[in-house]
Amino acid sequence: MINQENVNTLISKNLRKIRLERGDSLQKIGDLLEVSNQYISLLESNKNRIFAAQLAVLADYYKVDISFFYK
């Protein structure tokens, strides 16, 4: 059975990983999603939850399948 908390942790970890690998700032991703850089920081530290639409925008921006964030 899928554990919701584990999935949220994977998304947070993989968002930070790809952002750093691609050299993007918190501010740049915040601007992309039309949220604050603090919100992105909270997402990456698993203190906030990402909306499905935001995840889709990130997958498109990074040219990865949305499943990337779940692995």
PDB file of N, CA and C in Angstrom:
ATOM      1  N   MET A   1       0.830  -1.179   0.000  1.00  0.00           N
ATOM      2  CA  MET A   1       0.000   0.000   0.000  1.00  0.00           C
ATOM      3  C   MET A   1       0.882   1.253   0.000  1.00  0.00           C
ATOM      4  N   ILE A   2       0.461   2.249  -0.751  1.00  0.00           N
ATOM      5  CA  ILE A   2       1.212   3.501  -0.849  1.00  0.00           C
ATOM      6  C   ILE A   2       0.982   4.332   0.410  1.00  0.00           C
ATOM      7  N   ASN A   3       2.073   4.825   0.972  1.00  0.00           N
ATOM      8  CA  ASN A   3       2.018   5.677   2.153  1.00  0.00           C
ATOM      9  C   ASN A   3       2.125   7.132   1.699  1.00  0.00           C
ATOM     10  N   GLN A   4       1.116   7.913   1.994  1.00  0.00           N
ATOM     11  CA  GLN A   4       1.050   9.301   1.550  1.00  0.00           C
ATOM     12  C   GLN A   4       2.260  10.118   2.001  1.00  0.00           C
ATOM     13  N   GLU A   5       2.683   9.935   3.221  1.00  0.00           N
ATOM     14  CA  GLU A   5       3.828  10.694   3.737  1.00  0.00           C
ATOM     15  C   GLU A   5       5.108  10.351   2.981  1.00  0.00           C
ATOM     16  N   ASN A   6       5.288   9.073   2.650  1.00  0.00           N
ATOM     17  CA  ASN A   6       6.470   8.666   1.882  1.00  0.00           C
ATOM     18  C   ASN A   6       6.470   9.292   0.492  1.00  0.00           C
ATOM     19  N   VAL A   7       5.305   9.364  -0.132  1.00  0.00           N
ATOM     20  CA  VAL A   7       5.200   9.975  -1.462  1.00  0.00           C
ATOM     21  C   VAL A   7       5.532  11.461  -1.375  1.00  0.00           C
ATOM     22  N   ASN A   8       4.989  12.148  -0.383  1.00  0.00           N
ATOM     23  CA  ASN A   8       5.288  13.574  -0.210  1.00  0.00           C
ATOM     24  C   ASN A   8       6.776  13.814   0.019  1.00  0.00           C
ATOM     25  N   THR A   9       7.413  12.936   0.775  1.00  0.00           N
ATOM     26  CA  THR A   9       8.851  13.050   1.015  1.00  0.00           C
ATOM     27  C   THR A   9       9.637  12.873  -0.279  1.00  0.00           C
ATOM     28  N   LEU A  10       9.249  11.910  -1.093  1.00  0.00           N
ATOM     29  CA  LEU A  10       9.927  11.701  -2.382  1.00  0.00           C
ATOM     30  C   LEU A  10       9.792  12.920  -3.282  1.00  0.00           C
ATOM     31  N   ILE A  11       8.599  13.470  -3.356  1.00  0.00           N
ATOM     32  CA  ILE A  11       8.387  14.650  -4.191  1.00  0.00           C
ATOM     33  C   ILE A  11       9.278  15.793  -3.719  1.00  0.00           C
ATOM     34  N   SER A  12       9.307  16.031  -2.426  1.00  0.00           N
ATOM     35  CA  SER A  12      10.134  17.106  -1.869  1.00  0.00           C
ATOM     36  C   SER A  12      11.607  16.906  -2.194  1.00  0.00           C
ATOM     37  N   LYS A  13      12.083  15.694  -1.969  1.00  0.00           N
ATOM     38  CA  LYS A  13      13.493  15.370  -2.211  1.00  0.00           C
ATOM     39  C   LYS A  13      13.851  15.541  -3.684  1.00  0.00           C
ATOM     40  N   ASN A  14      12.994  15.046  -4.555  1.00  0.00           N
ATOM     41  CA  ASN A  14      13.301  15.094  -5.984  1.00  0.00           C
ATOM     42  C   ASN A  14      13.150  16.488  -6.575  1.00  0.00           C
ATOM     43  N   LEU A  15      12.268  17.285  -6.023  1.00  0.00           N
ATOM     44  CA  LEU A  15      12.169  18.680  -6.454  1.00  0.00           C
ATOM     45  C   LEU A  15      13.474  19.405  -6.141  1.00  0.00           C
ATOM     46  N   ARG A  16      13.956  19.262  -4.932  1.00  0.00           N
ATOM     47  CA  ARG A  16      15.222  19.925  -4.550  1.00  0.00           C
ATOM     48  C   ARG A  16      16.376  19.401  -5.401  1.00  0.00           C
ATOM     49  N   LYS A  17      16.409  18.090  -5.616  1.00  0.00           N
ATOM     50  CA  LYS A  17      17.485  17.479  -6.397  1.00  0.00           C
ATOM     51  C   LYS A  17      17.542  18.053  -7.808  1.00  0.00           C
ATOM     52  N   ILE A  18      16.422  18.072  -8.502  1.00  0.00           N
ATOM     53  CA  ILE A  18      16.447  18.539  -9.883  1.00  0.00           C
ATOM     54  C   ILE A  18      16.680  20.042  -9.961  1.00  0.00           C
ATOM     55  N   ARG A  19      16.147  20.775  -9.007  1.00  0.00           N
ATOM     56  CA  ARG A  19      16.369  22.227  -9.009  1.00  0.00           C
ATOM     57  C   ARG A  19      17.850  22.546  -8.864  1.00  0.00           C
ATOM     58  N   LEU A  20      18.513  21.876  -7.942  1.00  0.00           N
ATOM     59  CA  LEU A  20      19.944  22.117  -7.738  1.00  0.00           C
ATOM     60  C   LEU A  20      20.773  21.614  -8.912  1.00  0.00           C
ATOM     61  N   GLU A  21      20.434  20.452  -9.446  1.00  0.00           N
ATOM     62  CA  GLU A  21      21.166  19.910 -10.599  1.00  0.00           C
ATOM     63  C   GLU A  21      21.096  20.844 -11.801  1.00  0.00           C
ATOM     64  N   ARG A  22      19.965  21.487 -11.974  1.00  0.00           N
ATOM     65  CA  ARG A  22      19.770  22.376 -13.131  1.00  0.00           C
ATOM     66  C   ARG A  22      20.180  23.812 -12.841  1.00  0.00           C
ATOM     67  N   GLY A  23      20.602  24.074 -11.611  1.00  0.00           N
ATOM     68  CA  GLY A  23      21.109  25.400 -11.260  1.00  0.00           C
ATOM     69  C   GLY A  23      20.045  26.473 -11.090  1.00  0.00           C
ATOM     70  N   ASP A  24      18.833  26.072 -10.752  1.00  0.00           N
ATOM     71  CA  ASP A  24      17.753  27.041 -10.574  1.00  0.00           C
ATOM     72  C   ASP A  24      17.675  27.504  -9.122  1.00  0.00           C
ATOM     73  N   SER A  25      17.373  28.766  -8.943  1.00  0.00           N
ATOM     74  CA  SER A  25      17.213  29.315  -7.597  1.00  0.00           C
ATOM     75  C   SER A  25      15.794  29.067  -7.102  1.00  0.00           C
ATOM     76  N   LEU A  26      15.633  29.201  -5.796  1.00  0.00           N
ATOM     77  CA  LEU A  26      14.292  29.128  -5.220  1.00  0.00           C
ATOM     78  C   LEU A  26      13.402  30.197  -5.840  1.00  0.00           C
ATOM     79  N   GLN A  27      13.976  31.372  -6.061  1.00  0.00           N
ATOM     80  CA  GLN A  27      13.214  32.486  -6.623  1.00  0.00           C
ATOM     81  C   GLN A  27      12.738  32.171  -8.043  1.00  0.00           C
ATOM     82  N   LYS A  28      13.601  31.569  -8.843  1.00  0.00           N
ATOM     83  CA  LYS A  28      13.229  31.256 -10.232  1.00  0.00           C
ATOM     84  C   LYS A  28      12.056  30.272 -10.266  1.00  0.00           C
ATOM     85  N   ILE A  29      12.107  29.247  -9.434  1.00  0.00           N
ATOM     86  CA  ILE A  29      11.028  28.260  -9.406  1.00  0.00           C
ATOM     87  C   ILE A  29       9.778  28.873  -8.786  1.00  0.00           C
ATOM     88  N   GLY A  30       9.953  29.717  -7.802  1.00  0.00           N
ATOM     89  CA  GLY A  30       8.819  30.442  -7.234  1.00  0.00           C
ATOM     90  C   GLY A  30       8.121  31.296  -8.283  1.00  0.00           C
ATOM     91  N   ASP A  31       8.911  31.991  -9.077  1.00  0.00           N
ATOM     92  CA  ASP A  31       8.339  32.809 -10.150  1.00  0.00           C
ATOM     93  C   ASP A  31       7.598  31.944 -11.165  1.00  0.00           C
ATOM     94  N   LEU A  32       8.182  30.812 -11.494  1.00  0.00           N
ATOM     95  CA  LEU A  32       7.555  29.889 -12.448  1.00  0.00           C
ATOM     96  C   LEU A  32       6.177  29.440 -11.951  1.00  0.00           C
ATOM     97  N   LEU A  33       6.082  29.136 -10.665  1.00  0.00           N
ATOM     98  CA  LEU A  33       4.829  28.642 -10.089  1.00  0.00           C
ATOM     99  C   LEU A  33       3.954  29.764  -9.529  1.00  0.00           C
ATOM    100  N   GLU A  34       4.467  30.995  -9.613  1.00  0.00           N
ATOM    101  CA  GLU A  34       3.758  32.174  -9.107  1.00  0.00           C
ATOM    102  C   GLU A  34       3.501  32.075  -7.599  1.00  0.00           C
ATOM    103  N   VAL A  35       4.556  31.662  -6.902  1.00  0.00           N
ATOM    104  CA  VAL A  35       4.532  31.591  -5.439  1.00  0.00           C
ATOM    105  C   VAL A  35       5.848  32.187  -4.932  1.00  0.00           C
ATOM    106  N   SER A  36       5.976  32.322  -3.637  1.00  0.00           N
ATOM    107  CA  SER A  36       7.200  32.885  -3.068  1.00  0.00           C
ATOM    108  C   SER A  36       8.320  31.845  -3.032  1.00  0.00           C
ATOM    109  N   ASN A  37       9.543  32.352  -2.947  1.00  0.00           N
ATOM    110  CA  ASN A  37      10.679  31.437  -2.790  1.00  0.00           C
ATOM    111  C   ASN A  37      10.587  30.704  -1.452  1.00  0.00           C
ATOM    112  N   GLN A  38       9.969  31.334  -0.449  1.00  0.00           N
ATOM    113  CA  GLN A  38       9.780  30.683   0.847  1.00  0.00           C
ATOM    114  C   GLN A  38       8.854  29.469   0.696  1.00  0.00           C
ATOM    115  N   TYR A  39       7.822  29.586  -0.128  1.00  0.00           N
ATOM    116  CA  TYR A  39       6.911  28.473  -0.372  1.00  0.00           C
ATOM    117  C   TYR A  39       7.670  27.295  -0.989  1.00  0.00           C
ATOM    118  N   ILE A  40       8.557  27.580  -1.942  1.00  0.00           N
ATOM    119  CA  ILE A  40       9.350  26.518  -2.568  1.00  0.00           C
ATOM    120  C   ILE A  40      10.254  25.872  -1.528  1.00  0.00           C
ATOM    121  N   SER A  41      10.851  26.676  -0.676  1.00  0.00           N
ATOM    122  CA  SER A  41      11.694  26.145   0.388  1.00  0.00           C
ATOM    123  C   SER A  41      10.895  25.214   1.304  1.00  0.00           C
ATOM    124  N   LEU A  42       9.678  25.602   1.630  1.00  0.00           N
ATOM    125  CA  LEU A  42       8.823  24.757   2.469  1.00  0.00           C
ATOM    126  C   LEU A  42       8.440  23.465   1.756  1.00  0.00           C
ATOM    127  N   LEU A  43       8.219  23.542   0.447  1.00  0.00           N
ATOM    128  CA  LEU A  43       7.943  22.324  -0.322  1.00  0.00           C
ATOM    129  C   LEU A  43       9.125  21.370  -0.242  1.00  0.00           C
ATOM    130  N   GLU A  44      10.309  21.915  -0.464  1.00  0.00           N
ATOM    131  CA  GLU A  44      11.512  21.090  -0.482  1.00  0.00           C
ATOM    132  C   GLU A  44      11.852  20.511   0.889  1.00  0.00           C
ATOM    133  N   SER A  45      11.425  21.169   1.941  1.00  0.00           N
ATOM    134  CA  SER A  45      11.687  20.652   3.280  1.00  0.00           C
ATOM    135  C   SER A  45      10.506  19.831   3.806  1.00  0.00           C
ATOM    136  N   ASN A  46       9.576  19.541   2.913  1.00  0.00           N
ATOM    137  CA  ASN A  46       8.432  18.665   3.216  1.00  0.00           C
ATOM    138  C   ASN A  46       7.519  19.249   4.296  1.00  0.00           C
ATOM    139  N   LYS A  47       7.444  20.591   4.334  1.00  0.00           N
ATOM    140  CA  LYS A  47       6.571  21.253   5.306  1.00  0.00           C
ATOM    141  C   LYS A  47       5.308  21.792   4.663  1.00  0.00           C
ATOM    142  N   ASN A  48       5.255  21.800   3.341  1.00  0.00           N
ATOM    143  CA  ASN A  48       4.073  22.166   2.569  1.00  0.00           C
ATOM    144  C   ASN A  48       3.854  21.101   1.524  1.00  0.00           C
ATOM    145  N   ARG A  49       2.645  21.028   0.999  1.00  0.00           N
ATOM    146  CA  ARG A  49       2.304  20.055  -0.038  1.00  0.00           C
ATOM    147  C   ARG A  49       2.149  20.772  -1.370  1.00  0.00           C
ATOM    148  N   ILE A  50       2.565  20.115  -2.420  1.00  0.00           N
ATOM    149  CA  ILE A  50       2.480  20.681  -3.753  1.00  0.00           C
ATOM    150  C   ILE A  50       1.152  20.294  -4.394  1.00  0.00           C
ATOM    151  N   PHE A  51       0.606  21.194  -5.177  1.00  0.00           N
ATOM    152  CA  PHE A  51      -0.618  20.910  -5.923  1.00  0.00           C
ATOM    153  C   PHE A  51      -0.260  20.138  -7.192  1.00  0.00           C
ATOM    154  N   ALA A  52      -1.180  19.326  -7.642  1.00  0.00           N
ATOM    155  CA  ALA A  52      -0.953  18.516  -8.847  1.00  0.00           C
ATOM    156  C   ALA A  52      -0.606  19.405 -10.046  1.00  0.00           C
ATOM    157  N   ALA A  53      -1.283  20.527 -10.190  1.00  0.00           N
ATOM    158  CA  ALA A  53      -1.010  21.427 -11.316  1.00  0.00           C
ATOM    159  C   ALA A  53       0.407  21.989 -11.249  1.00  0.00           C
ATOM    160  N   GLN A  54       0.871  22.287 -10.045  1.00  0.00           N
ATOM    161  CA  GLN A  54       2.245  22.788  -9.887  1.00  0.00           C
ATOM    162  C   GLN A  54       3.249  21.714 -10.272  1.00  0.00           C
ATOM    163  N   LEU A  55       2.978  20.493  -9.897  1.00  0.00           N
ATOM    164  CA  LEU A  55       3.871  19.388 -10.243  1.00  0.00           C
ATOM    165  C   LEU A  55       3.919  19.201 -11.754  1.00  0.00           C
ATOM    166  N   ALA A  56       2.785  19.348 -12.411  1.00  0.00           N
ATOM    167  CA  ALA A  56       2.731  19.243 -13.872  1.00  0.00           C
ATOM    168  C   ALA A  56       3.546  20.357 -14.532  1.00  0.00           C
ATOM    169  N   VAL A  57       3.459  21.567 -14.003  1.00  0.00           N
ATOM    170  CA  VAL A  57       4.241  22.690 -14.542  1.00  0.00           C
ATOM    171  C   VAL A  57       5.731  22.411 -14.380  1.00  0.00           C
ATOM    172  N   LEU A  58       6.130  21.903 -13.224  1.00  0.00           N
ATOM    173  CA  LEU A  58       7.545  21.590 -12.992  1.00  0.00           C
ATOM    174  C   LEU A  58       8.038  20.486 -13.912  1.00  0.00           C
ATOM    175  N   ALA A  59       7.248  19.449 -14.098  1.00  0.00           N
ATOM    176  CA  ALA A  59       7.635  18.361 -15.002  1.00  0.00           C
ATOM    177  C   ALA A  59       7.824  18.893 -16.417  1.00  0.00           C
ATOM    178  N   ASP A  60       6.936  19.764 -16.852  1.00  0.00           N
ATOM    179  CA  ASP A  60       7.057  20.360 -18.190  1.00  0.00           C
ATOM    180  C   ASP A  60       8.298  21.247 -18.281  1.00  0.00           C
ATOM    181  N   TYR A  61       8.526  22.069 -17.284  1.00  0.00           N
ATOM    182  CA  TYR A  61       9.676  22.966 -17.262  1.00  0.00           C
ATOM    183  C   TYR A  61      10.987  22.192 -17.323  1.00  0.00           C
ATOM    184  N   TYR A  62      11.071  21.132 -16.532  1.00  0.00           N
ATOM    185  CA  TYR A  62      12.300  20.337 -16.489  1.00  0.00           C
ATOM    186  C   TYR A  62      12.362  19.255 -17.566  1.00  0.00           C
ATOM    187  N   LYS A  63      11.303  19.141 -18.366  1.00  0.00           N
ATOM    188  CA  LYS A  63      11.249  18.154 -19.465  1.00  0.00           C
ATOM    189  C   LYS A  63      11.466  16.733 -18.932  1.00  0.00           C
ATOM    190  N   VAL A  64      10.752  16.426 -17.852  1.00  0.00           N
ATOM    191  CA  VAL A  64      10.778  15.079 -17.281  1.00  0.00           C
ATOM    192  C   VAL A  64       9.337  14.586 -17.165  1.00  0.00           C
ATOM    193  N   ASP A  65       9.184  13.290 -17.142  1.00  0.00           N
ATOM    194  CA  ASP A  65       7.873  12.718 -16.883  1.00  0.00           C
ATOM    195  C   ASP A  65       7.510  13.004 -15.428  1.00  0.00           C
ATOM    196  N   ILE A  66       6.251  13.246 -15.191  1.00  0.00           N
ATOM    197  CA  ILE A  66       5.817  13.588 -13.834  1.00  0.00           C
ATOM    198  C   ILE A  66       6.196  12.487 -12.832  1.00  0.00           C
ATOM    199  N   SER A  67       6.333  11.270 -13.314  1.00  0.00           N
ATOM    200  CA  SER A  67       6.705  10.167 -12.420  1.00  0.00           C
ATOM    201  C   SER A  67       8.114  10.337 -11.846  1.00  0.00           C
ATOM    202  N   PHE A  68       8.941  11.192 -12.449  1.00  0.00           N
ATOM    203  CA  PHE A  68      10.279  11.474 -11.927  1.00  0.00           C
ATOM    204  C   PHE A  68      10.221  11.851 -10.442  1.00  0.00           C
ATOM    205  N   PHE A  69       9.212  12.630 -10.093  1.00  0.00           N
ATOM    206  CA  PHE A  69       9.123  13.143  -8.733  1.00  0.00           C
ATOM    207  C   PHE A  69       8.720  12.094  -7.723  1.00  0.00           C
ATOM    208  N   TYR A  70       8.217  10.947  -8.211  1.00  0.00           N
ATOM    209  CA  TYR A  70       7.742   9.880  -7.320  1.00  0.00           C
ATOM    210  C   TYR A  70       8.755   8.755  -7.141  1.00  0.00           C
ATOM    211  N   LYS A  71       9.898   8.858  -7.763  1.00  0.00           N
ATOM    212  CA  LYS A  71      10.871   7.758  -7.729  1.00  0.00           C
ATOM    213  C   LYS A  71      11.977   8.028  -6.731  1.00  0.00           C
TER     214      LYS A  71
END
